[in-house]
């Protein structure tokens, strides 16, 4: 396996409007550089002064340089059967693909980012920018912001990463979507237009039937994962059927979760069957025992009619949550179904349980702390707004919880918080709360801390 370590200089930062002014590629065996390709490129446009100040590349330098279409074949051949490697690979790979696309050629290579892989293979550095990281590692970087110098430094960094942990480094290789495995009606170019933002995506087959609904905080990445999936029978079969993709931005991850659940319930897509059965198969339940103590346990939601206090994706997740609650509220392991015993729990023997298991702590005192948990998980009948990211920078998402129940959601202008919260209901559209919506809401509030709560 060979690697093509790439760096480019451009006329700007956007793949759609920028052109390449210089490209450097070092072919790498994993242990050493075995070939190189470096050239200036005539971008066929004026280089902005701030770019010239940054790179030193001006219009005169590229005047007689080859245009991209003149070196395109060289790049294809030089990188053939190579993993495309770059520091912040999304930028370099995206611009090069855009240049090829303008020539009517679909350039695709498996690719690897040395920023992401460095964070994993050599953790603990203050910065992972190329300049600061190479300096801290003692890697010489000559010609900063020139393709040759940056690519050579990236190649030396790659050598270090490969020698440190080649197995884990290989897990960062992103395989490209293979058009031959996809439905012929699926517009492969449309994939490039998908946003890497939060929302819901929908897959349709050739008969315009909705076959799958999903949500992601990175729609483009998630959709590409579906289209690259060669590991599961269901994934491979679905790839062959997808002929059209739609998406719906939500900004807020919580709204994406709620919208996904709502759409799955309404349309019942064939490939969402497992989600329809039960998204959250385990829940936290409580009851009072014969001695007057509140007890908690994690059980299967399909076996109980009452709604759980909160829900989990697995029994393990539920037990881990209970272990944190036991420690935080000084509860008894035995009374939380985490320790089987006819006498005291283990925590009591090391003086970390107050003795509810052997009636040394009264039910009244013990139950006070249990009730705090129950009130917290049931939202305590509270009324508040959840303010989160909007679909674009100029807005925020707003979700209304009234008396502990989901009442509605919507979007507001970015500076809407200058209004009194009681006037925010003009931004809210009513929504139907159901068991799944309530579960999603409580799970989100338990796990996610990026949003803002405004109490009413």
Protein backbone atom coordinates (compact mmCIF):
# COMPACT_ATOMS: atom_id res chain seq x y z
CA UNK A 1 0.00 0.00 0.00
CA UNK A 2 1.31 3.44 -0.95
CA UNK A 3 0.33 6.87 0.28
CA UNK A 4 0.18 10.18 -1.58
CA UNK A 5 1.03 12.97 0.88
CA UNK A 6 -0.55 16.12 -0.60
CA UNK A 7 -0.51 19.84 0.07
CA UNK A 8 -1.89 22.60 -2.10
CA UNK A 9 -1.87 26.40 -2.14
CA UNK A 10 -4.96 28.11 -3.49
CA UNK A 11 -6.51 31.49 -4.31
CA UNK A 12 -8.90 31.19 -1.34
CA UNK A 13 -10.63 28.88 1.14
CA UNK A 14 -13.74 27.68 -0.70
CA UNK A 15 -13.71 24.61 -2.99
CA UNK A 16 -16.39 26.17 -5.21
CA UNK A 17 -14.63 29.48 -5.86
CA UNK A 18 -10.92 28.73 -5.29
CA UNK A 19 -8.30 27.55 -7.74
CA UNK A 20 -5.00 25.80 -7.10
CA UNK A 21 -1.78 27.84 -7.41
CA UNK A 22 0.66 25.12 -6.30
CA UNK A 23 0.55 21.40 -5.62
CA UNK A 24 3.06 19.05 -4.00
CA UNK A 25 2.67 15.27 -3.72
CA UNK A 26 5.13 12.95 -1.99
CA UNK A 27 4.59 9.25 -2.66
CA UNK A 28 5.23 7.37 0.59
CA UNK A 29 5.70 3.67 1.28
CA UNK A 30 4.75 3.96 4.95
CA UNK A 31 8.36 4.17 6.05
CA UNK A 32 9.90 6.58 3.53
CA UNK A 33 9.32 8.93 0.59
CA UNK A 34 9.80 7.09 -2.71
CA UNK A 35 8.80 9.75 -5.29
CA UNK A 36 7.70 13.38 -5.54
CA UNK A 37 5.67 15.70 -7.76
CA UNK A 38 5.77 19.48 -7.18
CA UNK A 39 4.64 22.26 -9.48
CA UNK A 40 3.18 25.75 -9.53
CA UNK A 41 -0.22 25.94 -11.22
CA UNK A 42 -1.71 28.79 -13.25
CA UNK A 43 -5.10 29.37 -11.57
CA UNK A 44 -6.40 31.37 -14.55
CA UNK A 45 -7.50 34.10 -12.18
CA UNK A 46 -5.89 36.91 -10.19
CA UNK A 47 -4.32 35.84 -6.89
CA UNK A 48 -5.71 38.02 -4.05
CA UNK A 49 -3.08 40.18 -2.27
CA UNK A 50 -3.70 38.56 1.15
CA UNK A 51 -2.97 35.14 -0.38
CA UNK A 52 0.24 36.47 -1.91
CA UNK A 53 1.22 37.87 1.49
CA UNK A 54 0.58 34.47 3.08
CA UNK A 55 2.18 32.18 0.49
CA UNK A 56 4.54 34.43 -1.42
CA UNK A 57 2.99 33.20 -4.68
CA UNK A 58 2.06 36.07 -7.03
CA UNK A 59 0.58 36.39 -10.51
CA UNK A 60 3.98 36.68 -12.20
CA UNK A 61 5.20 33.40 -10.67
CA UNK A 62 2.31 31.39 -12.08
CA UNK A 63 1.99 33.19 -15.41
CA UNK A 64 3.93 30.52 -17.34
CA UNK A 65 3.02 27.60 -15.01
CA UNK A 66 0.83 24.79 -16.39
CA UNK A 67 -2.92 25.12 -16.00
CA UNK A 68 -4.69 22.44 -13.93
CA UNK A 69 -6.12 20.63 -16.96
CA UNK A 70 -2.54 20.26 -18.25
CA UNK A 71 -1.39 18.39 -15.13
CA UNK A 72 -4.65 16.56 -14.31
CA UNK A 73 -3.54 13.32 -15.99
CA UNK A 74 -0.21 13.45 -14.12
CA UNK A 75 -2.02 13.74 -10.77
CA UNK A 76 -4.37 10.85 -11.59
CA UNK A 77 -1.47 8.59 -12.56
CA UNK A 78 0.83 9.69 -9.72
CA UNK A 79 -1.82 8.99 -7.06
CA UNK A 80 -3.17 5.78 -8.65
CA UNK A 81 -3.65 3.00 -6.05
CA UNK A 82 -2.59 5.40 -3.25
CA UNK A 83 -4.25 6.57 -0.06
CA UNK A 84 -4.68 10.37 -0.34
CA UNK A 85 -3.13 11.91 2.82
CA UNK A 86 -3.18 15.55 3.94
CA UNK A 87 -3.14 17.68 7.07
CA UNK A 88 -6.84 18.65 7.25
CA UNK A 89 -7.60 16.38 4.31
CA UNK A 90 -11.11 17.72 3.77
CA UNK A 91 -9.69 20.98 2.39
CA UNK A 92 -7.02 19.63 0.01
CA UNK A 93 -9.10 16.67 -1.17
CA UNK A 94 -12.21 18.84 -1.62
CA UNK A 95 -10.40 21.47 -3.74
CA UNK A 96 -8.69 18.86 -5.92
CA UNK A 97 -11.97 17.00 -6.46
CA UNK A 98 -13.60 20.32 -7.37
CA UNK A 99 -10.86 21.07 -9.93
CA UNK A 100 -11.36 17.64 -11.51
CA UNK A 101 -15.14 18.05 -11.43
CA UNK A 102 -14.82 21.23 -13.51
CA UNK A 103 -13.09 19.05 -16.12
CA UNK A 104 -15.89 16.47 -16.03
CA UNK A 105 -13.81 13.89 -14.15
CA UNK A 106 -14.88 12.20 -10.90
CA UNK A 107 -11.62 12.01 -8.91
CA UNK A 108 -11.93 9.70 -5.88
CA UNK A 109 -9.29 8.18 -3.62
CA UNK A 110 -9.42 6.62 -0.14
CA UNK A 111 -8.17 9.39 2.15
CA UNK A 112 -6.65 9.95 5.57
CA UNK A 113 -6.34 13.09 7.70
CA UNK A 114 -3.13 13.56 9.70
CA UNK A 115 -4.89 16.02 12.03
CA UNK A 116 -7.47 13.45 13.17
CA UNK A 117 -5.02 10.55 13.25
CA UNK A 118 -2.39 12.60 15.15
CA UNK A 119 -4.88 13.39 17.91
CA UNK A 120 -5.35 9.64 18.41
CA UNK A 121 -1.88 8.21 17.73
CA UNK A 122 0.11 10.95 19.53
CA UNK A 123 -2.37 12.55 21.98
CA UNK A 124 -1.65 15.33 24.46
CA UNK A 125 -0.26 18.07 22.23
CA UNK A 126 -1.42 21.63 22.84
CA UNK A 127 -2.08 22.25 19.14
CA UNK A 128 -2.42 20.02 16.09
CA UNK A 129 -1.88 22.74 13.49
CA UNK A 130 0.92 21.70 11.15
CA UNK A 131 3.31 24.44 12.24
CA UNK A 132 2.92 23.97 16.00
CA UNK A 133 2.72 20.17 15.91
CA UNK A 134 5.83 19.70 13.77
CA UNK A 135 7.72 22.19 15.95
CA UNK A 136 6.80 20.32 19.14
CA UNK A 137 7.89 17.05 17.51
CA UNK A 138 11.18 18.45 16.25
CA UNK A 139 10.20 18.08 12.59
CA UNK A 140 11.80 20.69 10.36
CA UNK A 141 9.32 22.74 8.31
CA UNK A 142 10.96 24.86 5.64
CA UNK A 143 8.83 26.97 3.36
CA UNK A 144 5.70 27.34 5.52
CA UNK A 145 2.56 27.99 3.42
CA UNK A 146 4.26 26.65 0.32
CA UNK A 147 3.03 23.32 -0.97
CA UNK A 148 6.45 21.67 -1.13
CA UNK A 149 7.47 22.62 2.42
CA UNK A 150 4.13 21.80 4.02
CA UNK A 151 3.77 18.49 2.15
CA UNK A 152 7.31 17.42 3.09
CA UNK A 153 6.68 18.21 6.76
CA UNK A 154 3.38 16.29 6.57
CA UNK A 155 5.25 13.34 5.02
CA UNK A 156 7.75 13.34 7.93
CA UNK A 157 4.83 13.54 10.39
CA UNK A 158 3.16 10.64 8.57
CA UNK A 159 6.35 8.56 8.89
CA UNK A 160 6.30 9.14 12.66
CA UNK A 161 2.59 8.21 12.90
CA UNK A 162 3.10 5.07 10.81
CA UNK A 163 6.08 3.92 12.86
CA UNK A 164 4.25 4.67 16.14
CA UNK A 165 0.99 2.84 15.43
CA UNK A 166 0.39 1.55 11.88
CA UNK A 167 -2.62 -0.58 12.87
CA UNK A 168 -4.62 2.21 14.46
CA UNK A 169 -3.47 4.65 11.78
CA UNK A 170 -5.11 2.42 9.16
CA UNK A 171 -8.48 2.81 10.93
CA UNK A 172 -8.48 6.49 9.90
CA UNK A 173 -8.51 5.65 6.19
CA UNK A 174 -11.83 6.82 4.74
CA UNK A 175 -12.88 4.59 1.86
CA UNK A 176 -14.55 6.40 -1.01
CA UNK A 177 -18.06 5.75 -2.24
CA UNK A 178 -17.94 3.23 -5.08
CA UNK A 179 -20.41 4.32 -7.81
CA UNK A 180 -20.50 0.77 -9.22
CA UNK A 181 -22.19 -0.50 -6.06
CA UNK A 182 -24.92 2.17 -6.11
CA UNK A 183 -28.24 2.45 -7.91
CA UNK A 184 -27.72 3.88 -11.44
CA UNK A 185 -30.34 6.60 -10.82
CA UNK A 186 -28.50 8.03 -7.80
CA UNK A 187 -26.78 11.29 -8.77
CA UNK A 188 -23.26 10.79 -7.40
CA UNK A 189 -22.44 14.49 -7.89
CA UNK A 190 -25.36 15.44 -5.63
CA UNK A 191 -23.52 13.81 -2.70
CA UNK A 192 -20.98 16.64 -2.80
CA UNK A 193 -23.80 19.13 -2.27
CA UNK A 194 -25.01 17.50 0.96
CA UNK A 195 -24.27 19.70 4.00
CA UNK A 196 -22.21 18.54 6.93
CA UNK A 197 -24.77 19.99 9.30
CA UNK A 198 -27.35 18.69 11.78
CA UNK A 199 -30.64 17.38 10.50
CA UNK A 200 -32.66 14.51 9.07
CA UNK A 201 -31.96 12.67 5.81
CA UNK A 202 -34.27 10.45 3.75
CA UNK A 203 -33.53 7.69 1.23
CA UNK A 204 -35.99 6.96 -1.61
CA UNK A 205 -35.99 4.03 -4.02
CA UNK A 206 -36.63 4.16 -7.78
CA UNK A 207 -40.40 4.00 -7.18
CA UNK A 208 -40.18 7.14 -5.00
CA UNK A 209 -40.91 5.11 -1.86
CA UNK A 210 -39.31 6.36 1.36
CA UNK A 211 -37.15 3.41 2.49
CA UNK A 212 -35.01 4.88 5.29
CA UNK A 213 -34.94 7.92 7.59
CA UNK A 214 -31.96 8.90 9.72
CA UNK A 215 -30.55 11.84 11.65
CA UNK A 216 -27.03 13.10 12.13
CA UNK A 217 -25.05 16.11 13.28
CA UNK A 218 -22.97 15.61 10.09
CA UNK A 219 -25.46 14.66 7.35
CA UNK A 220 -22.92 14.33 4.53
CA UNK A 221 -20.54 12.13 6.53
CA UNK A 222 -23.36 9.90 7.75
CA UNK A 223 -24.88 9.45 4.30
CA UNK A 224 -21.46 8.56 2.88
CA UNK A 225 -21.03 5.98 5.65
CA UNK A 226 -24.28 4.35 4.50
CA UNK A 227 -23.08 4.34 0.90
CA UNK A 228 -19.68 2.86 1.84
CA UNK A 229 -21.08 0.17 4.14
CA UNK A 230 -19.89 -3.19 2.84
CA UNK A 231 -20.07 -5.02 6.16
CA UNK A 232 -23.75 -5.75 6.71
CA UNK A 233 -26.23 -7.52 4.44
CA UNK A 234 -28.88 -4.89 5.18
CA UNK A 235 -26.47 -2.03 4.41
CA UNK A 236 -25.36 -3.52 1.08
CA UNK A 237 -28.95 -4.19 0.01
CA UNK A 238 -30.07 -0.66 0.94
CA UNK A 239 -27.17 0.85 -1.08
CA UNK A 240 -28.47 -0.86 -4.22
CA UNK A 241 -31.96 0.60 -3.72
CA UNK A 242 -31.20 4.26 -2.93
CA UNK A 243 -31.97 6.31 -6.02
CA UNK A 244 -32.64 9.71 -4.40
CA UNK A 245 -31.61 11.48 -1.18
CA UNK A 246 -33.36 14.37 0.56
CA UNK A 247 -32.36 16.20 3.72
CA UNK A 248 -33.93 18.59 6.19
CA UNK A 249 -31.73 20.84 8.36
CA UNK A 250 -32.76 21.25 12.00
CA UNK A 251 -29.77 22.96 13.61
CA UNK A 252 -30.65 21.42 16.96
CA UNK A 253 -29.75 17.78 17.55
CA UNK A 254 -32.82 17.40 19.78
CA UNK A 255 -35.14 18.60 16.99
CA UNK A 256 -33.40 16.16 14.62
CA UNK A 257 -34.07 13.31 17.06
CA UNK A 258 -37.71 14.31 17.48
CA UNK A 259 -38.21 14.82 13.74
CA UNK A 260 -36.61 11.46 12.93
CA UNK A 261 -38.93 9.69 15.38
CA UNK A 262 -41.99 11.54 14.05
CA UNK A 263 -41.19 10.71 10.40
CA UNK A 264 -40.47 7.04 11.14
CA UNK A 265 -43.81 6.72 12.93
CA UNK A 266 -45.63 8.41 10.03
CA UNK A 267 -43.98 6.62 7.10
CA UNK A 268 -42.79 3.30 8.59
CA UNK A 269 -39.83 2.91 6.14
CA UNK A 270 -38.84 -0.69 5.46
CA UNK A 271 -35.23 -0.23 6.60
CA UNK A 272 -36.24 1.43 9.88
CA UNK A 273 -38.01 -1.68 11.19
CA UNK A 274 -35.65 -2.18 14.11
CA UNK A 275 -36.20 1.43 15.18
CA UNK A 276 -39.97 1.03 14.99
CA UNK A 277 -39.88 -1.96 17.32
CA UNK A 278 -38.23 -0.07 20.14
CA UNK A 279 -35.56 2.60 20.03
CA UNK A 280 -35.04 2.39 23.80
CA UNK A 281 -35.53 -1.21 24.96
CA UNK A 282 -34.58 -0.60 28.62
CA UNK A 283 -35.95 1.83 31.17
CA UNK A 284 -35.49 2.91 34.79
CA UNK A 285 -38.42 2.00 37.05
CA UNK A 286 -39.21 2.56 40.72
CA UNK A 287 -41.45 0.98 43.35
CA UNK A 288 -41.80 1.00 47.13
CA UNK A 289 -40.88 -2.20 48.95
CA UNK A 290 -42.67 -3.70 51.95
CA UNK A 291 -40.39 -1.82 54.36
CA UNK A 292 -41.24 1.56 52.85
CA UNK A 293 -38.04 2.15 50.85
CA UNK A 294 -38.12 3.41 47.24
CA UNK A 295 -36.31 0.94 45.00
CA UNK A 296 -34.95 1.42 41.50
CA UNK A 297 -34.24 -1.15 38.82
CA UNK A 298 -33.44 -1.25 35.08
CA UNK A 299 -35.94 -3.38 33.14
CA UNK A 300 -37.13 -4.11 29.61
CA UNK A 301 -39.74 -1.59 28.46
CA UNK A 302 -41.57 -4.22 26.38
CA UNK A 303 -42.43 -6.17 29.53
CA UNK A 304 -43.98 -3.27 31.45
CA UNK A 305 -47.01 -1.11 30.76
CA UNK A 306 -46.03 1.94 32.81
CA UNK A 307 -43.69 4.58 31.39
CA UNK A 308 -40.12 4.48 32.69
CA UNK A 309 -38.52 7.40 34.53
CA UNK A 310 -35.91 7.47 31.77
CA UNK A 311 -34.81 5.10 29.01
CA UNK A 312 -31.63 3.48 27.72
CA UNK A 313 -30.28 1.90 24.56
CA UNK A 314 -28.98 -1.12 26.52
CA UNK A 315 -29.01 -2.76 29.96
CA UNK A 316 -25.34 -1.86 30.34
CA UNK A 317 -26.06 1.83 29.72
CA UNK A 318 -28.85 1.67 32.32
CA UNK A 319 -26.65 0.04 34.96
CA UNK A 320 -23.86 2.55 34.31
CA UNK A 321 -26.37 5.37 34.85
CA UNK A 322 -27.56 3.78 38.09
CA UNK A 323 -23.98 3.39 39.34
CA UNK A 324 -23.44 7.15 38.85
CA UNK A 325 -26.72 7.94 40.62
CA UNK A 326 -25.85 5.65 43.55
CA UNK A 327 -22.52 7.43 44.01
CA UNK A 328 -23.90 10.95 43.53
CA UNK A 329 -26.90 10.54 45.89
CA UNK A 330 -25.32 8.04 48.28
CA UNK A 331 -28.00 5.45 47.59
CA UNK A 332 -27.86 1.76 48.45
CA UNK A 333 -26.59 -0.64 45.76
CA UNK A 334 -28.91 -3.36 46.97
CA UNK A 335 -32.00 -1.13 46.78
CA UNK A 336 -30.95 -0.11 43.24
CA UNK A 337 -30.70 -3.70 42.00
CA UNK A 338 -26.91 -3.48 41.59
CA UNK A 339 -25.95 -5.86 44.41
CA UNK A 340 -27.64 -9.15 45.28
CA UNK A 341 -27.57 -9.89 48.99
CA UNK A 342 -29.80 -11.10 51.85
CA UNK A 343 -28.07 -8.71 54.23
CA UNK A 344 -26.12 -5.44 53.69
CA UNK A 345 -24.67 -4.23 50.41
CA UNK A 346 -20.93 -4.05 49.72
CA UNK A 347 -20.92 -0.24 49.94
CA UNK A 348 -22.19 -0.49 53.52
CA UNK A 349 -19.15 -2.57 54.54
CA UNK A 350 -16.81 0.19 53.29
CA UNK A 351 -18.99 2.93 54.86
CA UNK A 352 -20.23 4.37 51.54
CA UNK A 353 -23.87 3.39 52.11
CA UNK A 354 -25.86 4.94 54.98
CA UNK A 355 -27.45 1.61 55.84
CA UNK A 356 -30.88 1.57 54.16
CA UNK A 357 -30.19 -2.07 53.25
CA UNK A 358 -30.17 -3.01 56.98
CA UNK A 359 -32.71 -0.35 58.07
CA UNK A 360 -30.08 1.81 59.78
CA UNK A 361 -31.21 4.75 57.66
CA UNK A 362 -34.93 5.46 57.87
CA UNK A 363 -37.18 5.19 54.82
CA UNK A 364 -38.09 8.88 55.21
CA UNK A 365 -34.46 10.07 54.96
CA UNK A 366 -33.51 7.63 52.19
CA UNK A 367 -36.63 8.34 50.14
CA UNK A 368 -35.97 12.11 50.16
CA UNK A 369 -32.90 11.56 47.97
CA UNK A 370 -34.75 9.05 45.78
CA UNK A 371 -37.56 11.55 45.24
CA UNK A 372 -35.04 14.16 44.11
CA UNK A 373 -33.97 11.77 41.35
CA UNK A 374 -37.59 10.99 40.40
CA UNK A 375 -38.50 14.69 40.28
CA UNK A 376 -35.43 15.49 38.21
CA UNK A 377 -36.06 12.69 35.70
CA UNK A 378 -39.74 13.54 35.37
CA UNK A 379 -38.77 17.20 34.76
CA UNK A 380 -40.56 18.01 38.02
CA UNK A 381 -43.52 19.53 36.18
CA UNK A 382 -41.23 22.38 35.13
CA UNK A 383 -41.85 24.92 32.36
CA UNK A 384 -38.86 26.14 30.38
CA UNK A 385 -37.37 26.76 26.96
CA UNK A 386 -34.45 24.86 25.47
CA UNK A 387 -32.44 27.26 23.29
CA UNK A 388 -30.02 25.62 20.86
CA UNK A 389 -28.36 26.07 17.46
CA UNK A 390 -30.44 27.17 14.51
CA UNK A 391 -30.32 25.97 10.91
CA UNK A 392 -28.09 28.93 10.07
CA UNK A 393 -26.04 31.50 11.96
CA UNK A 394 -28.82 34.09 11.98
CA UNK A 395 -31.25 32.02 14.04
CA UNK A 396 -31.69 29.86 17.13
CA UNK A 397 -33.89 26.85 17.71
CA UNK A 398 -36.44 27.10 20.53
CA UNK A 399 -38.20 24.17 22.22
CA UNK A 400 -40.99 24.74 24.74
CA UNK A 401 -41.49 22.43 27.73
CA UNK A 402 -44.65 23.24 29.71
CA UNK A 403 -45.49 21.54 33.01
CA UNK A 404 -42.93 18.83 32.23
CA UNK A 405 -44.33 18.07 28.76
CA UNK A 406 -43.09 18.88 25.26
CA UNK A 407 -45.44 21.52 23.84
CA UNK A 408 -43.79 22.81 20.69
CA UNK A 409 -40.69 23.96 18.86
CA UNK A 410 -39.58 26.46 16.27
CA UNK A 411 -36.92 28.91 15.12
CA UNK A 412 -36.30 32.50 16.11
CA UNK A 413 -34.04 35.34 14.90
CA UNK A 414 -30.61 35.27 16.55
CA UNK A 415 -31.32 38.25 18.85
CA UNK A 416 -34.83 37.12 19.85
CA UNK A 417 -33.69 36.77 23.48
CA UNK A 418 -34.01 40.53 23.82
CA UNK A 419 -37.73 39.80 24.08
CA UNK A 420 -39.21 38.56 27.35
CA UNK A 421 -39.44 34.72 27.39
CA UNK A 422 -43.22 34.91 27.81
CA UNK A 423 -43.35 36.45 24.30
CA UNK A 424 -41.30 33.66 22.70
CA UNK A 425 -44.41 31.56 22.02
CA UNK A 426 -44.82 33.46 18.72
CA UNK A 427 -41.88 31.38 17.41
CA UNK A 428 -43.36 28.08 18.55
CA UNK A 429 -45.37 25.60 16.47
CA UNK A 430 -47.42 23.12 18.50
CA UNK A 431 -46.22 19.54 18.43
CA UNK A 432 -47.71 16.25 19.60
CA UNK A 433 -45.99 14.69 22.60
CA UNK A 434 -45.90 10.91 22.77
CA UNK A 435 -43.98 8.32 24.74
CA UNK A 436 -41.03 8.28 22.33
CA UNK A 437 -40.85 12.11 22.19
CA UNK A 438 -40.83 12.30 25.99
CA UNK A 439 -38.14 9.62 26.17
CA UNK A 440 -36.00 11.41 23.57
CA UNK A 441 -36.40 14.69 25.45
CA UNK A 442 -35.41 13.26 28.82
CA UNK A 443 -32.51 11.30 27.34
CA UNK A 444 -31.23 14.42 25.58
CA UNK A 445 -31.44 16.56 28.72
CA UNK A 446 -29.62 13.85 30.67
CA UNK A 447 -26.76 13.48 28.21
CA UNK A 448 -26.37 16.74 26.32
CA UNK A 449 -25.05 19.96 27.87
CA UNK A 450 -24.51 22.21 24.82
CA UNK A 451 -27.96 23.84 24.96
CA UNK A 452 -29.25 26.66 27.17
CA UNK A 453 -32.21 26.36 29.54
CA UNK A 454 -34.42 29.43 30.10
CA UNK A 455 -36.94 28.85 32.88
CA UNK A 456 -40.45 30.31 32.77
